[in-house]
């Protein structure tokens, strides 16, 4: 197929895998690797899907894949994208130092929606700040995250609201 057709096909497969969490064939990620090695443009969604795949399937990560993982991981961290599954790449700890002290909350919003996290930090002695509300950082296609630094004994209580078509709806809560 032409390069543009292959790129579009891989981007759609990557979107389905990363955003919609659909099962995807291994060859899709091999093709993303081939594209990158040929010096072709690899879309952000392909890089994110590639990282997610190899974080979940480390047994499939051959030696020639590790430099790609490192490059993609480094690029995402430079863009201030911090997803919890990045921690699965133990061999790249030097890149992940930025994430060591962080608690990361991920959420999948509707691609047209906007997610906000409402939270309070509870201290060990029972004291609490007031509830705060912040927009979650959008990564791609509704996948969002928010990171926090919690100290020993602190607990984060939160709920997430999603705004779509001017309406705000409570969608998820947790501790």
N, C-alpha and C. Protein backbone atom coordinates (compact mmCIF):
# COMPACT_ATOMS: atom_id res chain seq x y z
N UNK A 1 0.84 -1.19 0.00
CA UNK A 1 0.00 0.00 0.00
C UNK A 1 0.88 1.25 0.00
N UNK A 2 0.30 2.35 -0.45
CA UNK A 2 1.01 3.62 -0.40
C UNK A 2 1.26 3.99 1.06
N UNK A 3 2.29 4.79 1.26
CA UNK A 3 2.67 5.21 2.61
C UNK A 3 1.50 5.88 3.33
N UNK A 4 0.75 6.73 2.63
CA UNK A 4 -0.36 7.44 3.26
C UNK A 4 -1.46 6.48 3.71
N UNK A 5 -1.71 5.46 2.91
CA UNK A 5 -2.74 4.48 3.25
C UNK A 5 -2.30 3.67 4.47
N UNK A 6 -1.05 3.24 4.46
CA UNK A 6 -0.52 2.48 5.59
C UNK A 6 -0.55 3.33 6.86
N UNK A 7 -0.15 4.58 6.75
CA UNK A 7 -0.14 5.48 7.91
C UNK A 7 -1.55 5.66 8.47
N UNK A 8 -2.52 5.84 7.59
CA UNK A 8 -3.92 6.02 8.02
C UNK A 8 -4.46 4.75 8.68
N UNK A 9 -4.15 3.60 8.09
CA UNK A 9 -4.60 2.32 8.66
C UNK A 9 -4.00 2.11 10.05
N UNK A 10 -2.71 2.34 10.20
CA UNK A 10 -2.05 2.15 11.49
C UNK A 10 -2.56 3.15 12.53
N UNK A 11 -2.82 4.37 12.10
CA UNK A 11 -3.36 5.38 13.02
C UNK A 11 -4.74 4.96 13.53
N UNK A 12 -5.57 4.42 12.63
CA UNK A 12 -6.90 3.97 13.06
C UNK A 12 -6.80 2.78 14.02
N UNK A 13 -5.93 1.83 13.71
CA UNK A 13 -5.73 0.68 14.60
C UNK A 13 -5.20 1.14 15.95
N UNK A 14 -4.25 2.07 15.94
CA UNK A 14 -3.67 2.58 17.18
C UNK A 14 -4.73 3.31 18.00
N UNK A 15 -5.58 4.09 17.34
CA UNK A 15 -6.67 4.79 18.01
C UNK A 15 -7.61 3.78 18.67
N UNK A 16 -7.99 2.76 17.93
CA UNK A 16 -8.88 1.73 18.47
C UNK A 16 -8.26 1.04 19.68
N UNK A 17 -6.97 0.83 19.64
CA UNK A 17 -6.29 0.15 20.75
C UNK A 17 -6.10 1.08 21.94
N UNK A 18 -5.57 2.28 21.70
CA UNK A 18 -5.24 3.19 22.80
C UNK A 18 -6.47 3.87 23.40
N UNK A 19 -7.34 4.38 22.57
CA UNK A 19 -8.49 5.14 23.06
C UNK A 19 -9.67 4.23 23.37
N UNK A 20 -10.02 3.37 22.44
CA UNK A 20 -11.21 2.53 22.61
C UNK A 20 -10.92 1.22 23.32
N UNK A 21 -9.65 0.93 23.58
CA UNK A 21 -9.20 -0.27 24.30
C UNK A 21 -9.66 -1.57 23.63
N UNK A 22 -9.61 -1.58 22.31
CA UNK A 22 -9.94 -2.79 21.56
C UNK A 22 -8.71 -3.67 21.44
N UNK A 23 -8.92 -4.96 21.32
CA UNK A 23 -7.81 -5.90 21.13
C UNK A 23 -7.25 -5.70 19.72
N UNK A 24 -5.93 -5.75 19.62
CA UNK A 24 -5.29 -5.50 18.33
C UNK A 24 -4.24 -6.58 18.06
N UNK A 25 -4.08 -6.90 16.79
CA UNK A 25 -3.09 -7.89 16.37
C UNK A 25 -1.67 -7.36 16.59
N UNK A 26 -0.74 -8.27 16.90
CA UNK A 26 0.66 -7.91 17.15
C UNK A 26 1.31 -7.23 15.95
N UNK A 27 0.92 -7.65 14.75
CA UNK A 27 1.58 -7.12 13.55
C UNK A 27 1.40 -5.61 13.40
N UNK A 28 0.35 -5.05 13.98
CA UNK A 28 0.13 -3.60 13.90
C UNK A 28 1.31 -2.87 14.55
N UNK A 29 1.76 -3.38 15.67
CA UNK A 29 2.85 -2.73 16.40
C UNK A 29 4.20 -2.99 15.73
N UNK A 30 4.31 -4.12 15.07
CA UNK A 30 5.51 -4.40 14.27
C UNK A 30 5.59 -3.43 13.09
N UNK A 31 4.45 -3.14 12.49
CA UNK A 31 4.41 -2.20 11.36
C UNK A 31 4.73 -0.77 11.80
N UNK A 32 4.28 -0.41 13.00
CA UNK A 32 4.62 0.92 13.53
C UNK A 32 6.13 1.01 13.69
N UNK A 33 6.74 -0.06 14.19
CA UNK A 33 8.20 -0.09 14.36
C UNK A 33 8.90 0.04 13.00
N UNK A 34 8.40 -0.68 12.00
CA UNK A 34 9.00 -0.60 10.65
C UNK A 34 8.91 0.82 10.10
N UNK A 35 7.76 1.45 10.29
CA UNK A 35 7.59 2.83 9.81
C UNK A 35 8.63 3.75 10.44
N UNK A 36 8.78 3.63 11.74
CA UNK A 36 9.72 4.49 12.47
C UNK A 36 11.16 4.24 12.01
N UNK A 37 11.49 2.97 11.83
CA UNK A 37 12.86 2.61 11.41
C UNK A 37 13.15 3.10 9.99
N UNK A 38 12.11 3.20 9.15
CA UNK A 38 12.29 3.71 7.78
C UNK A 38 12.37 5.23 7.74
N UNK A 39 12.21 5.87 8.89
CA UNK A 39 12.29 7.33 8.95
C UNK A 39 11.00 8.03 8.56
N UNK A 40 9.90 7.28 8.50
CA UNK A 40 8.61 7.87 8.15
C UNK A 40 7.99 8.51 9.39
N UNK A 41 7.05 9.39 9.16
CA UNK A 41 6.35 10.05 10.26
C UNK A 41 5.46 9.05 10.98
N UNK A 42 5.59 9.02 12.30
CA UNK A 42 4.75 8.16 13.13
C UNK A 42 3.88 9.08 13.98
N UNK A 43 2.58 8.94 13.84
CA UNK A 43 1.65 9.81 14.55
C UNK A 43 1.69 9.56 16.05
N UNK A 44 1.32 10.58 16.80
CA UNK A 44 1.33 10.50 18.26
C UNK A 44 0.51 9.33 18.78
N UNK A 45 -0.66 9.10 18.21
CA UNK A 45 -1.52 8.01 18.67
C UNK A 45 -0.84 6.66 18.46
N UNK A 46 -0.06 6.54 17.40
CA UNK A 46 0.68 5.29 17.15
C UNK A 46 1.76 5.09 18.21
N UNK A 47 2.43 6.16 18.58
CA UNK A 47 3.47 6.07 19.61
C UNK A 47 2.87 5.69 20.95
N UNK A 48 1.74 6.31 21.29
CA UNK A 48 1.08 6.00 22.56
C UNK A 48 0.59 4.55 22.59
N UNK A 49 0.00 4.09 21.49
CA UNK A 49 -0.47 2.71 21.41
C UNK A 49 0.71 1.74 21.50
N UNK A 50 1.79 2.06 20.84
CA UNK A 50 3.01 1.25 20.85
C UNK A 50 3.53 1.10 22.28
N UNK A 51 3.60 2.22 22.99
CA UNK A 51 4.06 2.18 24.38
C UNK A 51 3.11 1.37 25.26
N UNK A 52 1.83 1.57 25.08
CA UNK A 52 0.85 0.83 25.88
C UNK A 52 0.98 -0.67 25.61
N UNK A 53 1.09 -1.02 24.34
CA UNK A 53 1.20 -2.44 23.96
C UNK A 53 2.41 -3.10 24.63
N UNK A 54 3.58 -2.46 24.51
CA UNK A 54 4.79 -3.07 25.06
C UNK A 54 4.85 -2.98 26.58
N UNK A 55 4.11 -2.06 27.18
CA UNK A 55 4.04 -2.04 28.65
C UNK A 55 3.22 -3.22 29.16
N UNK A 56 2.26 -3.66 28.34
CA UNK A 56 1.41 -4.78 28.72
C UNK A 56 1.94 -6.12 28.20
N UNK A 57 2.84 -6.09 27.22
CA UNK A 57 3.36 -7.30 26.59
C UNK A 57 4.89 -7.27 26.54
N UNK A 58 5.50 -7.09 27.68
CA UNK A 58 6.96 -6.96 27.73
C UNK A 58 7.66 -8.22 27.22
N UNK A 59 7.00 -9.35 27.30
CA UNK A 59 7.60 -10.61 26.80
C UNK A 59 7.82 -10.56 25.28
N UNK A 60 7.07 -9.70 24.59
CA UNK A 60 7.21 -9.56 23.13
C UNK A 60 8.24 -8.51 22.74
N UNK A 61 8.83 -7.83 23.73
CA UNK A 61 9.76 -6.74 23.42
C UNK A 61 11.16 -7.31 23.16
N UNK A 62 11.49 -7.40 21.89
CA UNK A 62 12.81 -7.88 21.49
C UNK A 62 13.80 -6.73 21.61
N UNK A 63 15.08 -7.05 21.52
CA UNK A 63 16.14 -6.04 21.71
C UNK A 63 16.03 -4.88 20.73
N UNK A 64 15.64 -5.16 19.47
CA UNK A 64 15.57 -4.06 18.50
C UNK A 64 14.38 -3.13 18.74
N UNK A 65 13.44 -3.53 19.61
CA UNK A 65 12.28 -2.70 19.93
C UNK A 65 12.60 -1.71 21.05
N UNK A 66 13.53 -2.07 21.92
CA UNK A 66 13.84 -1.23 23.08
C UNK A 66 14.25 0.20 22.73
N UNK A 67 15.08 0.42 21.70
CA UNK A 67 15.40 1.82 21.36
C UNK A 67 14.18 2.64 20.93
N UNK A 68 13.22 2.00 20.28
CA UNK A 68 12.00 2.69 19.87
C UNK A 68 11.17 3.06 21.10
N UNK A 69 11.03 2.10 22.01
CA UNK A 69 10.30 2.36 23.24
C UNK A 69 10.94 3.54 23.97
N UNK A 70 12.26 3.51 24.05
CA UNK A 70 12.98 4.59 24.73
C UNK A 70 12.73 5.93 24.05
N UNK A 71 12.81 5.97 22.72
CA UNK A 71 12.57 7.22 21.98
C UNK A 71 11.15 7.74 22.20
N UNK A 72 10.16 6.86 22.08
CA UNK A 72 8.76 7.26 22.24
C UNK A 72 8.49 7.72 23.67
N UNK A 73 9.03 7.00 24.63
CA UNK A 73 8.84 7.33 26.04
C UNK A 73 9.47 8.69 26.34
N UNK A 74 10.66 8.90 25.84
CA UNK A 74 11.35 10.17 26.05
C UNK A 74 10.55 11.33 25.44
N UNK A 75 10.00 11.11 24.27
CA UNK A 75 9.20 12.14 23.60
C UNK A 75 7.96 12.49 24.41
N UNK A 76 7.27 11.47 24.92
CA UNK A 76 6.05 11.71 25.70
C UNK A 76 6.37 12.45 27.00
N UNK A 77 7.44 12.07 27.65
CA UNK A 77 7.81 12.72 28.90
C UNK A 77 8.22 14.18 28.65
N UNK A 78 8.90 14.44 27.52
CA UNK A 78 9.25 15.81 27.17
C UNK A 78 8.01 16.66 26.90
N UNK A 79 6.96 16.00 26.39
CA UNK A 79 5.68 16.70 26.14
C UNK A 79 4.84 16.80 27.40
N UNK A 80 5.40 16.36 28.54
CA UNK A 80 4.71 16.37 29.85
C UNK A 80 3.49 15.47 29.86
N UNK A 81 3.58 14.36 29.13
CA UNK A 81 2.53 13.34 29.16
C UNK A 81 3.02 12.26 30.10
N UNK A 82 2.28 12.05 31.18
CA UNK A 82 2.66 11.08 32.19
C UNK A 82 1.49 10.12 32.40
N UNK A 83 1.61 8.93 31.86
CA UNK A 83 0.57 7.92 32.03
C UNK A 83 1.10 6.82 32.94
N UNK A 84 0.21 6.24 33.70
CA UNK A 84 0.62 5.28 34.72
C UNK A 84 1.33 4.06 34.14
N UNK A 85 0.93 3.62 32.95
CA UNK A 85 1.56 2.43 32.39
C UNK A 85 3.02 2.65 31.99
N UNK A 86 3.47 3.89 31.93
CA UNK A 86 4.88 4.16 31.65
C UNK A 86 5.78 3.51 32.70
N UNK A 87 5.26 3.39 33.93
CA UNK A 87 6.05 2.81 35.02
C UNK A 87 6.43 1.36 34.77
N UNK A 88 5.75 0.69 33.87
CA UNK A 88 6.04 -0.72 33.57
C UNK A 88 7.38 -0.90 32.87
N UNK A 89 7.95 0.17 32.35
CA UNK A 89 9.23 0.09 31.65
C UNK A 89 10.37 0.26 32.64
N UNK A 90 10.59 -0.77 33.43
CA UNK A 90 11.60 -0.73 34.51
C UNK A 90 13.01 -0.48 33.97
N UNK A 91 13.31 -0.94 32.76
CA UNK A 91 14.66 -0.78 32.21
C UNK A 91 14.98 0.66 31.83
N UNK A 92 13.97 1.53 31.86
CA UNK A 92 14.20 2.93 31.51
C UNK A 92 13.96 3.83 32.72
N UNK A 93 14.36 3.37 33.89
CA UNK A 93 14.12 4.11 35.13
C UNK A 93 14.69 5.52 35.10
N UNK A 94 15.82 5.71 34.43
CA UNK A 94 16.43 7.04 34.39
C UNK A 94 15.49 8.05 33.71
N UNK A 95 14.72 7.59 32.72
CA UNK A 95 13.76 8.47 32.05
C UNK A 95 12.54 8.75 32.93
N UNK A 96 12.25 7.79 33.80
CA UNK A 96 11.01 7.85 34.57
C UNK A 96 11.16 8.46 35.95
N UNK A 97 12.32 9.01 36.25
CA UNK A 97 12.54 9.60 37.57
C UNK A 97 11.50 10.67 37.88
N UNK A 98 11.07 11.36 36.86
CA UNK A 98 10.07 12.41 37.02
C UNK A 98 8.74 11.88 37.57
N UNK A 99 8.48 10.59 37.35
CA UNK A 99 7.21 10.00 37.77
C UNK A 99 7.28 9.33 39.14
N UNK A 100 8.46 9.16 39.68
CA UNK A 100 8.65 8.37 40.90
C UNK A 100 7.77 8.80 42.07
N UNK A 101 7.65 10.09 42.30
CA UNK A 101 6.92 10.57 43.47
C UNK A 101 5.49 11.00 43.14
N UNK A 102 4.99 10.59 42.00
CA UNK A 102 3.68 11.06 41.57
C UNK A 102 2.62 9.96 41.63
N UNK A 103 1.43 10.39 41.99
CA UNK A 103 0.24 9.54 41.89
C UNK A 103 -0.49 10.04 40.65
N UNK A 104 -0.80 9.13 39.75
CA UNK A 104 -1.40 9.52 38.47
C UNK A 104 -2.81 8.93 38.37
N UNK A 105 -3.76 9.81 38.11
CA UNK A 105 -5.15 9.40 37.89
C UNK A 105 -5.41 9.53 36.39
N UNK A 106 -5.83 8.43 35.76
CA UNK A 106 -6.17 8.45 34.34
C UNK A 106 -7.68 8.31 34.18
N UNK A 107 -8.18 8.88 33.12
CA UNK A 107 -9.62 8.82 32.84
C UNK A 107 -9.84 8.86 31.34
N UNK A 108 -10.84 8.13 30.89
CA UNK A 108 -11.22 8.14 29.48
C UNK A 108 -12.54 8.86 29.33
N UNK A 109 -12.46 10.06 28.80
CA UNK A 109 -13.65 10.88 28.56
C UNK A 109 -14.12 10.63 27.13
N UNK A 110 -15.30 11.11 26.84
CA UNK A 110 -15.77 11.10 25.46
C UNK A 110 -14.82 11.99 24.67
N UNK A 111 -14.46 11.60 23.43
CA UNK A 111 -13.51 12.42 22.66
C UNK A 111 -13.89 13.90 22.54
N UNK A 112 -15.17 14.21 22.59
CA UNK A 112 -15.60 15.61 22.51
C UNK A 112 -15.81 16.23 23.88
N UNK A 113 -15.65 15.42 24.92
CA UNK A 113 -15.89 15.90 26.28
C UNK A 113 -14.66 16.52 26.91
N UNK A 114 -14.89 17.14 28.04
CA UNK A 114 -13.82 17.77 28.80
C UNK A 114 -13.94 17.25 30.23
N UNK A 115 -12.86 16.69 30.78
CA UNK A 115 -12.90 16.11 32.11
C UNK A 115 -12.26 17.05 33.13
N UNK A 116 -12.88 17.11 34.31
CA UNK A 116 -12.34 17.89 35.42
C UNK A 116 -12.30 16.99 36.64
N UNK A 117 -11.27 17.14 37.44
CA UNK A 117 -11.14 16.34 38.66
C UNK A 117 -11.35 17.27 39.85
N UNK A 118 -12.21 16.82 40.76
CA UNK A 118 -12.50 17.55 42.00
C UNK A 118 -11.87 16.70 43.09
N UNK A 119 -11.01 17.31 43.91
CA UNK A 119 -10.27 16.49 44.86
C UNK A 119 -9.98 17.22 46.16
N UNK A 120 -9.68 16.41 47.15
CA UNK A 120 -9.25 16.90 48.45
C UNK A 120 -8.15 15.96 48.93
N UNK A 121 -7.11 16.52 49.56
CA UNK A 121 -6.04 15.72 50.12
C UNK A 121 -6.28 15.62 51.62
N UNK A 122 -6.40 14.39 52.12
CA UNK A 122 -6.59 14.13 53.54
C UNK A 122 -5.25 13.79 54.16
N UNK A 123 -4.93 14.46 55.24
CA UNK A 123 -3.65 14.19 55.91
C UNK A 123 -3.81 13.09 56.93
N UNK A 124 -2.69 12.57 57.39
CA UNK A 124 -2.67 11.46 58.34
C UNK A 124 -3.41 11.80 59.62
N UNK A 125 -3.34 13.06 60.03
CA UNK A 125 -4.00 13.48 61.28
C UNK A 125 -5.49 13.78 61.09
N UNK A 126 -6.01 13.56 59.91
CA UNK A 126 -7.43 13.77 59.64
C UNK A 126 -7.77 15.13 59.07
N UNK A 127 -6.81 16.05 59.06
CA UNK A 127 -7.06 17.36 58.48
C UNK A 127 -7.19 17.25 56.97
N UNK A 128 -7.93 18.19 56.41
CA UNK A 128 -8.11 18.19 54.95
C UNK A 128 -8.13 19.61 54.42
N UNK A 129 -7.65 19.76 53.21
CA UNK A 129 -7.78 21.04 52.51
C UNK A 129 -9.22 21.14 52.03
N UNK A 130 -9.53 22.22 51.36
CA UNK A 130 -10.84 22.33 50.74
C UNK A 130 -10.80 21.62 49.40
N UNK A 131 -11.97 21.22 48.92
CA UNK A 131 -12.04 20.59 47.60
C UNK A 131 -11.57 21.56 46.55
N UNK A 132 -10.79 21.06 45.62
CA UNK A 132 -10.32 21.85 44.49
C UNK A 132 -10.84 21.21 43.22
N UNK A 133 -10.88 22.00 42.17
CA UNK A 133 -11.29 21.49 40.87
C UNK A 133 -10.27 21.95 39.83
N UNK A 134 -9.79 20.99 39.04
CA UNK A 134 -8.85 21.31 37.96
C UNK A 134 -9.21 20.48 36.74
N UNK A 135 -8.95 21.07 35.57
CA UNK A 135 -9.14 20.32 34.33
C UNK A 135 -8.06 19.25 34.25
N UNK A 136 -8.44 18.09 33.72
CA UNK A 136 -7.47 17.03 33.50
C UNK A 136 -6.78 17.28 32.16
N UNK A 137 -5.51 16.91 32.08
CA UNK A 137 -4.76 17.13 30.84
C UNK A 137 -5.15 16.06 29.83
N UNK A 138 -5.56 16.52 28.67
CA UNK A 138 -5.96 15.61 27.59
C UNK A 138 -4.71 15.11 26.84
N UNK A 139 -4.61 13.80 26.68
CA UNK A 139 -3.48 13.21 25.98
C UNK A 139 -3.84 13.00 24.52
N UNK A 140 -4.92 12.26 24.29
CA UNK A 140 -5.35 11.98 22.92
C UNK A 140 -6.74 11.35 22.96
N UNK A 141 -7.64 11.84 22.16
CA UNK A 141 -8.95 11.21 21.96
C UNK A 141 -9.75 10.97 23.23
N UNK A 142 -9.67 11.88 24.19
CA UNK A 142 -10.43 11.72 25.42
C UNK A 142 -9.67 11.07 26.56
N UNK A 143 -8.49 10.54 26.29
CA UNK A 143 -7.67 9.96 27.35
C UNK A 143 -7.02 11.12 28.10
N UNK A 144 -7.28 11.20 29.41
CA UNK A 144 -6.82 12.32 30.23
C UNK A 144 -6.06 11.80 31.44
N UNK A 145 -5.31 12.69 32.05
CA UNK A 145 -4.64 12.34 33.30
C UNK A 145 -4.44 13.58 34.15
N UNK A 146 -4.23 13.33 35.42
CA UNK A 146 -3.86 14.37 36.38
C UNK A 146 -2.89 13.73 37.35
N UNK A 147 -1.81 14.43 37.65
CA UNK A 147 -0.82 13.87 38.57
C UNK A 147 -0.78 14.67 39.85
N UNK A 148 -0.46 13.97 40.94
CA UNK A 148 -0.39 14.56 42.27
C UNK A 148 0.87 14.07 42.97
N UNK A 149 1.40 14.90 43.84
CA UNK A 149 2.48 14.48 44.73
C UNK A 149 1.85 14.32 46.11
N UNK A 150 1.84 13.10 46.60
CA UNK A 150 1.31 12.82 47.94
C UNK A 150 2.45 12.44 48.86
N UNK A 151 2.37 12.90 50.07
CA UNK A 151 3.38 12.58 51.06
C UNK A 151 2.89 11.43 51.93
N UNK A 152 3.81 10.84 52.68
CA UNK A 152 3.47 9.69 53.52
C UNK A 152 2.28 10.03 54.40
N UNK A 153 1.29 9.15 54.40
CA UNK A 153 0.12 9.32 55.24
C UNK A 153 -1.00 10.12 54.61
N UNK A 154 -0.75 10.73 53.45
CA UNK A 154 -1.79 11.50 52.80
C UNK A 154 -2.64 10.60 51.91
N UNK A 155 -3.87 11.02 51.74
CA UNK A 155 -4.83 10.26 50.94
C UNK A 155 -5.57 11.24 50.03
N UNK A 156 -5.78 10.86 48.81
CA UNK A 156 -6.45 11.70 47.83
C UNK A 156 -7.86 11.15 47.60
N UNK A 157 -8.87 11.96 47.86
CA UNK A 157 -10.24 11.59 47.52
C UNK A 157 -10.64 12.47 46.34
N UNK A 158 -11.26 11.84 45.34
CA UNK A 158 -11.58 12.62 44.14
C UNK A 158 -12.85 12.12 43.49
N UNK A 159 -13.41 12.97 42.67
CA UNK A 159 -14.44 12.56 41.73
C UNK A 159 -14.21 13.33 40.44
N UNK A 160 -14.62 12.72 39.36
CA UNK A 160 -14.38 13.30 38.03
C UNK A 160 -15.72 13.64 37.40
N UNK A 161 -15.76 14.83 36.83
CA UNK A 161 -16.95 15.23 36.08
C UNK A 161 -16.54 15.42 34.63
N UNK A 162 -17.49 15.14 33.78
CA UNK A 162 -17.25 15.29 32.35
C UNK A 162 -18.27 16.27 31.78
N UNK A 163 -17.78 17.24 31.03
CA UNK A 163 -18.65 18.23 30.42
C UNK A 163 -18.81 17.91 28.94
N UNK A 164 -20.08 17.73 28.55
CA UNK A 164 -20.40 17.49 27.14
C UNK A 164 -21.67 18.23 26.80
N UNK A 165 -21.64 18.91 25.69
CA UNK A 165 -22.81 19.67 25.23
C UNK A 165 -23.32 20.64 26.30
N UNK A 166 -22.40 21.23 27.05
CA UNK A 166 -22.77 22.21 28.05
C UNK A 166 -23.27 21.63 29.37
N UNK A 167 -23.36 20.31 29.46
CA UNK A 167 -23.83 19.68 30.69
C UNK A 167 -22.68 18.99 31.41
N UNK A 168 -22.68 19.11 32.74
CA UNK A 168 -21.63 18.47 33.54
C UNK A 168 -22.24 17.26 34.22
N UNK A 169 -21.51 16.15 34.18
CA UNK A 169 -22.03 14.90 34.71
C UNK A 169 -20.95 14.22 35.54
N UNK A 170 -21.31 13.77 36.75
CA UNK A 170 -20.39 13.02 37.59
C UNK A 170 -20.21 11.64 36.97
N UNK A 171 -18.95 11.23 36.77
CA UNK A 171 -18.71 9.96 36.06
C UNK A 171 -17.93 8.93 36.86
N UNK A 172 -17.06 9.38 37.76
CA UNK A 172 -16.19 8.43 38.46
C UNK A 172 -15.72 9.06 39.76
N UNK A 173 -15.51 8.21 40.77
CA UNK A 173 -14.94 8.71 42.03
C UNK A 173 -14.01 7.64 42.58
N UNK A 174 -13.14 8.05 43.48
CA UNK A 174 -12.20 7.09 44.05
C UNK A 174 -11.36 7.70 45.15
N UNK A 175 -10.53 6.86 45.74
CA UNK A 175 -9.61 7.28 46.81
C UNK A 175 -8.24 6.76 46.46
